[in-house]
Amino acid sequence: MKEIESIIDRKRSVEEVKLMKPLVWAYIGDCIYEIFIRMKLVNSTNLDPHRLHIETIKHVKAKAQAETLSKIQNNLTEEEKDIVRRGRNAEAHHQPKNADLADYKHATAFEALIGYLYLSKQDKRLKEILDIL
């Protein structure tokens, strides 16, 4: 893990991460979750890049992320449920193009959770949650 830390430096303290806006957590969480899905597919299939892309989209679109959040909801701590609530209630300044508003808000909540755990260096817990999927 030290090698990745030298490439992607998470400099913020937990206290600083807690003060970030939920949409910042979601911004990073979107990236982390997509990398997780891409690596899972690369490691478990022999698909060509186009098929990898198609399969990735199935997992990272808003509806799929909203469904994923509902699957893990009962496994979350109270702090994580609060992060999810804050992510869901964050005010986005645009309407989703390819999702209904409820799915979009739940997907944002899921991404916020992933981003929060990543930024606050809770790697073990992040792995536990991603392993549930």
C-alpha atoms as a PDB file:
ATOM      1  CA  MET A   1       0.000   0.000   0.000  1.00  0.00           C
ATOM      2  CA  LYS A   2       2.933   2.329   0.509  1.00  0.00           C
ATOM      3  CA  GLU A   3       3.620   2.275  -3.237  1.00  0.00           C
ATOM      4  CA  ILE A   4       0.202   3.659  -4.115  1.00  0.00           C
ATOM      5  CA  GLU A   5       0.534   6.268  -1.376  1.00  0.00           C
ATOM      6  CA  SER A   6       3.626   7.610  -3.119  1.00  0.00           C
ATOM      7  CA  ILE A   7       1.618   8.021  -6.330  1.00  0.00           C
ATOM      8  CA  ILE A   8      -1.703   9.174  -4.902  1.00  0.00           C
ATOM      9  CA  ASP A   9      -0.987  11.175  -1.780  1.00  0.00           C
ATOM     10  CA  ARG A  10      -3.962  11.502   0.563  1.00  0.00           C
ATOM     11  CA  LYS A  11      -2.698  14.449   2.580  1.00  0.00           C
ATOM     12  CA  ARG A  12      -5.862  15.498   4.389  1.00  0.00           C
ATOM     13  CA  SER A  13      -6.402  14.613   8.022  1.00  0.00           C
ATOM     14  CA  VAL A  14      -9.595  12.829   9.048  1.00  0.00           C
ATOM     15  CA  GLU A  15     -10.789  16.075  10.602  1.00  0.00           C
ATOM     16  CA  GLU A  16     -10.256  17.902   7.299  1.00  0.00           C
ATOM     17  CA  VAL A  17     -12.011  15.150   5.356  1.00  0.00           C
ATOM     18  CA  LYS A  18     -15.031  15.379   7.671  1.00  0.00           C
ATOM     19  CA  LEU A  19     -15.307  19.098   6.847  1.00  0.00           C
ATOM     20  CA  MET A  20     -15.316  18.563   3.080  1.00  0.00           C
ATOM     21  CA  LYS A  21     -18.512  18.940   1.130  1.00  0.00           C
ATOM     22  CA  PRO A  22     -20.247  15.634   0.407  1.00  0.00           C
ATOM     23  CA  LEU A  23     -20.028  16.276  -3.330  1.00  0.00           C
ATOM     24  CA  VAL A  24     -16.221  16.326  -2.985  1.00  0.00           C
ATOM     25  CA  TRP A  25     -16.401  12.882  -1.375  1.00  0.00           C
ATOM     26  CA  ALA A  26     -18.660  11.762  -4.244  1.00  0.00           C
ATOM     27  CA  TYR A  27     -16.266  13.222  -6.821  1.00  0.00           C
ATOM     28  CA  ILE A  28     -13.433  11.044  -5.528  1.00  0.00           C
ATOM     29  CA  GLY A  29     -15.709   8.103  -4.713  1.00  0.00           C
ATOM     30  CA  ASP A  30     -16.866   7.974  -8.329  1.00  0.00           C
ATOM     31  CA  CYS A  31     -13.251   7.517  -9.438  1.00  0.00           C
ATOM     32  CA  ILE A  32     -12.347   4.981  -6.766  1.00  0.00           C
ATOM     33  CA  TYR A  33     -15.425   2.856  -7.424  1.00  0.00           C
ATOM     34  CA  GLU A  34     -14.861   2.891 -11.179  1.00  0.00           C
ATOM     35  CA  ILE A  35     -11.233   1.825 -10.717  1.00  0.00           C
ATOM     36  CA  PHE A  36     -12.419  -0.965  -8.400  1.00  0.00           C
ATOM     37  CA  ILE A  37     -14.915  -2.208 -11.006  1.00  0.00           C
ATOM     38  CA  ARG A  38     -12.424  -1.921 -13.865  1.00  0.00           C
ATOM     39  CA  MET A  39      -9.749  -3.836 -11.955  1.00  0.00           C
ATOM     40  CA  LYS A  40     -12.231  -6.501 -10.901  1.00  0.00           C
ATOM     41  CA  LEU A  41     -13.197  -7.019 -14.545  1.00  0.00           C
ATOM     42  CA  VAL A  42      -9.598  -6.969 -15.789  1.00  0.00           C
ATOM     43  CA  ASN A  43      -8.595  -9.479 -13.134  1.00  0.00           C
ATOM     44  CA  SER A  44     -11.543 -11.809 -13.649  1.00  0.00           C
ATOM     45  CA  THR A  45     -12.215 -11.741 -17.408  1.00  0.00           C
ATOM     46  CA  ASN A  46     -10.442 -11.766 -20.733  1.00  0.00           C
ATOM     47  CA  LEU A  47     -12.696  -9.172 -22.352  1.00  0.00           C
ATOM     48  CA  ASP A  48     -11.468  -6.768 -24.999  1.00  0.00           C
ATOM     49  CA  PRO A  49     -11.409  -3.048 -24.054  1.00  0.00           C
ATOM     50  CA  HIS A  50     -14.783  -2.283 -25.632  1.00  0.00           C
ATOM     51  CA  ARG A  51     -16.508  -5.098 -23.713  1.00  0.00           C
ATOM     52  CA  LEU A  52     -14.687  -4.039 -20.538  1.00  0.00           C
ATOM     53  CA  HIS A  53     -16.147  -0.571 -21.014  1.00  0.00           C
ATOM     54  CA  ILE A  54     -19.667  -1.933 -21.593  1.00  0.00           C
ATOM     55  CA  GLU A  55     -19.460  -4.141 -18.493  1.00  0.00           C
ATOM     56  CA  THR A  56     -18.052  -1.305 -16.378  1.00  0.00           C
ATOM     57  CA  ILE A  57     -20.934   0.993 -17.321  1.00  0.00           C
ATOM     58  CA  LYS A  58     -23.411  -1.621 -16.095  1.00  0.00           C
ATOM     59  CA  HIS A  59     -21.928  -1.242 -12.605  1.00  0.00           C
ATOM     60  CA  VAL A  60     -21.172   2.468 -12.397  1.00  0.00           C
ATOM     61  CA  LYS A  61     -24.399   3.929 -13.782  1.00  0.00           C
ATOM     62  CA  ALA A  62     -26.630   5.659 -11.248  1.00  0.00           C
ATOM     63  CA  LYS A  63     -29.313   2.956 -11.078  1.00  0.00           C
ATOM     64  CA  ALA A  64     -26.711   0.236 -10.385  1.00  0.00           C
ATOM     65  CA  GLN A  65     -25.006   2.330  -7.703  1.00  0.00           C
ATOM     66  CA  ALA A  66     -28.362   3.074  -6.058  1.00  0.00           C
ATOM     67  CA  GLU A  67     -29.081  -0.678  -5.981  1.00  0.00           C
ATOM     68  CA  THR A  68     -25.605  -1.320  -4.581  1.00  0.00           C
ATOM     69  CA  LEU A  69     -26.211   1.147  -1.775  1.00  0.00           C
ATOM     70  CA  SER A  70     -29.446  -0.602  -0.841  1.00  0.00           C
ATOM     71  CA  LYS A  71     -27.562  -3.944  -0.682  1.00  0.00           C
ATOM     72  CA  ILE A  72     -24.978  -2.661   1.795  1.00  0.00           C
ATOM     73  CA  GLN A  73     -27.224  -0.352   3.850  1.00  0.00           C
ATOM     74  CA  ASN A  74     -27.675  -2.844   6.710  1.00  0.00           C
ATOM     75  CA  ASN A  75     -23.908  -3.354   6.984  1.00  0.00           C
ATOM     76  CA  LEU A  76     -23.092   0.316   7.552  1.00  0.00           C
ATOM     77  CA  THR A  77     -22.091   1.902  10.835  1.00  0.00           C
ATOM     78  CA  GLU A  78     -23.982   4.912  12.171  1.00  0.00           C
ATOM     79  CA  GLU A  79     -21.169   7.197  10.986  1.00  0.00           C
ATOM     80  CA  GLU A  80     -21.341   5.674   7.505  1.00  0.00           C
ATOM     81  CA  LYS A  81     -25.131   6.057   7.429  1.00  0.00           C
ATOM     82  CA  ASP A  82     -24.631   9.726   8.273  1.00  0.00           C
ATOM     83  CA  ILE A  83     -22.133  10.085   5.403  1.00  0.00           C
ATOM     84  CA  VAL A  84     -24.680   8.440   3.081  1.00  0.00           C
ATOM     85  CA  ARG A  85     -27.423  10.788   4.300  1.00  0.00           C
ATOM     86  CA  ARG A  86     -25.221  13.826   3.726  1.00  0.00           C
ATOM     87  CA  GLY A  87     -24.291  12.583   0.250  1.00  0.00           C
ATOM     88  CA  ARG A  88     -27.915  11.895  -0.664  1.00  0.00           C
ATOM     89  CA  ASN A  89     -29.020  15.331   0.519  1.00  0.00           C
ATOM     90  CA  ALA A  90     -26.173  17.231  -1.165  1.00  0.00           C
ATOM     91  CA  GLU A  91     -27.513  19.753  -3.612  1.00  0.00           C
ATOM     92  CA  ALA A  92     -26.323  19.113  -7.131  1.00  0.00           C
ATOM     93  CA  HIS A  93     -26.728  22.059  -9.461  1.00  0.00           C
ATOM     94  CA  HIS A  94     -27.800  20.062 -12.487  1.00  0.00           C
ATOM     95  CA  GLN A  95     -30.344  17.462 -13.433  1.00  0.00           C
ATOM     96  CA  PRO A  96     -29.132  13.951 -14.247  1.00  0.00           C
ATOM     97  CA  LYS A  97     -29.245  13.132 -17.966  1.00  0.00           C
ATOM     98  CA  ASN A  98     -29.520   9.358 -17.864  1.00  0.00           C
ATOM     99  CA  ALA A  99     -31.099   8.588 -14.496  1.00  0.00           C
ATOM    100  CA  ASP A 100     -34.116   9.493 -12.458  1.00  0.00           C
ATOM    101  CA  LEU A 101     -33.543  11.895  -9.589  1.00  0.00           C
ATOM    102  CA  ALA A 102     -33.980   9.310  -6.808  1.00  0.00           C
ATOM    103  CA  ASP A 103     -31.408   6.946  -8.330  1.00  0.00           C
ATOM    104  CA  TYR A 104     -29.051   9.861  -8.932  1.00  0.00           C
ATOM    105  CA  LYS A 105     -29.259  10.988  -5.294  1.00  0.00           C
ATOM    106  CA  HIS A 106     -28.675   7.456  -3.997  1.00  0.00           C
ATOM    107  CA  ALA A 107     -25.776   6.964  -6.402  1.00  0.00           C
ATOM    108  CA  THR A 108     -24.265  10.222  -5.149  1.00  0.00           C
ATOM    109  CA  ALA A 109     -24.717   8.973  -1.587  1.00  0.00           C
ATOM    110  CA  PHE A 110     -22.920   5.723  -2.447  1.00  0.00           C
ATOM    111  CA  GLU A 111     -20.074   7.594  -4.149  1.00  0.00           C
ATOM    112  CA  ALA A 112     -19.817   9.939  -1.146  1.00  0.00           C
ATOM    113  CA  LEU A 113     -19.406   6.954   1.173  1.00  0.00           C
ATOM    114  CA  ILE A 114     -16.708   5.407  -1.021  1.00  0.00           C
ATOM    115  CA  GLY A 115     -14.919   8.753  -1.329  1.00  0.00           C
ATOM    116  CA  TYR A 116     -15.133   9.496   2.375  1.00  0.00           C
ATOM    117  CA  LEU A 117     -13.683   6.117   3.333  1.00  0.00           C
ATOM    118  CA  TYR A 118     -10.915   6.495   0.761  1.00  0.00           C
ATOM    119  CA  LEU A 119      -9.983  10.067   1.699  1.00  0.00           C
ATOM    120  CA  SER A 120     -10.031   9.311   5.428  1.00  0.00           C
ATOM    121  CA  LYS A 121      -7.686   6.364   4.786  1.00  0.00           C
ATOM    122  CA  GLN A 122     -10.137   3.767   6.077  1.00  0.00           C
ATOM    123  CA  ASP A 123      -8.817   1.287   3.539  1.00  0.00           C
ATOM    124  CA  LYS A 124      -9.691  -1.821   5.527  1.00  0.00           C
ATOM    125  CA  ARG A 125     -13.318  -0.718   5.877  1.00  0.00           C
ATOM    126  CA  LEU A 126     -13.470   0.357   2.241  1.00  0.00           C
ATOM    127  CA  LYS A 127     -12.257  -3.098   1.211  1.00  0.00           C
ATOM    128  CA  GLU A 128     -14.842  -4.762   3.498  1.00  0.00           C
ATOM    129  CA  ILE A 129     -17.648  -2.800   1.852  1.00  0.00           C
ATOM    130  CA  LEU A 130     -16.394  -3.404  -1.685  1.00  0.00           C
ATOM    131  CA  ASP A 131     -15.946  -7.109  -0.909  1.00  0.00           C
ATOM    132  CA  ILE A 132     -19.647  -7.336  -0.012  1.00  0.00           C
ATOM    133  CA  LEU A 133     -20.375  -6.467  -3.620  1.00  0.00           C
END
